[in-house]
């Protein structure tokens, strides 16, 4: 599994996950939206941690800059 996420992409995903977490903890997010965004936040954290996005793979997208 080759990495296909650059540092900016990974950072944005982590920041979005943190925002979702903060919104949930401050009771600004609840119900179905909280569940869906919570799952998405977990996916963002996991994909950022490993540097691989499965949705990018079939389309051969990479946000890693040229070396």
Protein backbone atom coordinates (compact mmCIF):
# COMPACT_ATOMS: atom_id res chain seq x y z
CA UNK A 1 0.00 0.00 0.00
CA UNK A 2 1.73 3.13 -1.26
CA UNK A 3 1.06 6.47 0.41
CA UNK A 4 -1.06 8.84 -1.65
CA UNK A 5 -1.70 11.68 0.81
CA UNK A 6 0.57 14.68 1.21
CA UNK A 7 1.25 16.50 4.46
CA UNK A 8 -1.22 19.32 3.73
CA UNK A 9 -4.01 16.85 2.95
CA UNK A 10 -3.27 14.90 6.12
CA UNK A 11 -3.14 18.04 8.26
CA UNK A 12 -6.46 19.34 6.93
CA UNK A 13 -8.12 16.00 7.67
CA UNK A 14 -6.81 15.94 11.23
CA UNK A 15 -7.93 19.54 11.81
CA UNK A 16 -11.43 18.75 10.48
CA UNK A 17 -11.62 15.71 12.77
CA UNK A 18 -10.62 17.89 15.73
CA UNK A 19 -13.30 20.45 14.84
CA UNK A 20 -15.93 17.70 14.71
CA UNK A 21 -14.74 16.43 18.09
CA UNK A 22 -14.93 19.90 19.62
CA UNK A 23 -18.42 20.48 18.20
CA UNK A 24 -19.56 17.17 19.66
CA UNK A 25 -18.01 17.79 23.08
CA UNK A 26 -19.61 21.24 23.33
CA UNK A 27 -23.07 19.84 22.42
CA UNK A 28 -23.21 21.79 19.17
CA UNK A 29 -23.49 18.54 17.24
CA UNK A 30 -25.98 15.79 18.03
CA UNK A 31 -28.23 13.15 16.54
CA UNK A 32 -27.67 11.65 13.13
CA UNK A 33 -25.29 14.41 12.09
CA UNK A 34 -23.08 13.64 15.08
CA UNK A 35 -22.95 9.95 14.18
CA UNK A 36 -22.17 10.54 10.51
CA UNK A 37 -19.57 13.23 11.17
CA UNK A 38 -18.08 11.16 13.99
CA UNK A 39 -17.56 8.21 11.66
CA UNK A 40 -16.09 10.54 9.05
CA UNK A 41 -13.76 12.05 11.66
CA UNK A 42 -12.50 8.58 12.64
CA UNK A 43 -11.89 7.76 8.96
CA UNK A 44 -10.01 11.06 8.54
CA UNK A 45 -7.79 10.29 11.54
CA UNK A 46 -7.05 6.75 10.33
CA UNK A 47 -6.29 7.75 6.75
CA UNK A 48 -4.11 10.61 7.96
CA UNK A 49 -2.20 8.29 10.27
CA UNK A 50 -1.37 5.80 7.51
CA UNK A 51 -1.09 8.35 4.68
CA UNK A 52 -3.30 6.34 2.36
CA UNK A 53 -6.80 7.24 1.15
CA UNK A 54 -8.69 4.30 -0.40
CA UNK A 55 -10.94 6.68 -2.34
CA UNK A 56 -7.94 8.23 -4.08
CA UNK A 57 -6.56 4.85 -5.18
CA UNK A 58 -9.01 3.87 -8.00
CA UNK A 59 -8.73 7.35 -9.50
CA UNK A 60 -4.93 7.38 -9.19
CA UNK A 61 -5.04 10.63 -7.21
CA UNK A 62 -2.05 11.61 -5.12
CA UNK A 63 -1.60 14.77 -3.09
CA UNK A 64 2.07 14.03 -2.51
CA UNK A 65 4.20 16.60 -4.30
CA UNK A 66 6.79 15.69 -6.91
CA UNK A 67 10.16 14.72 -5.49
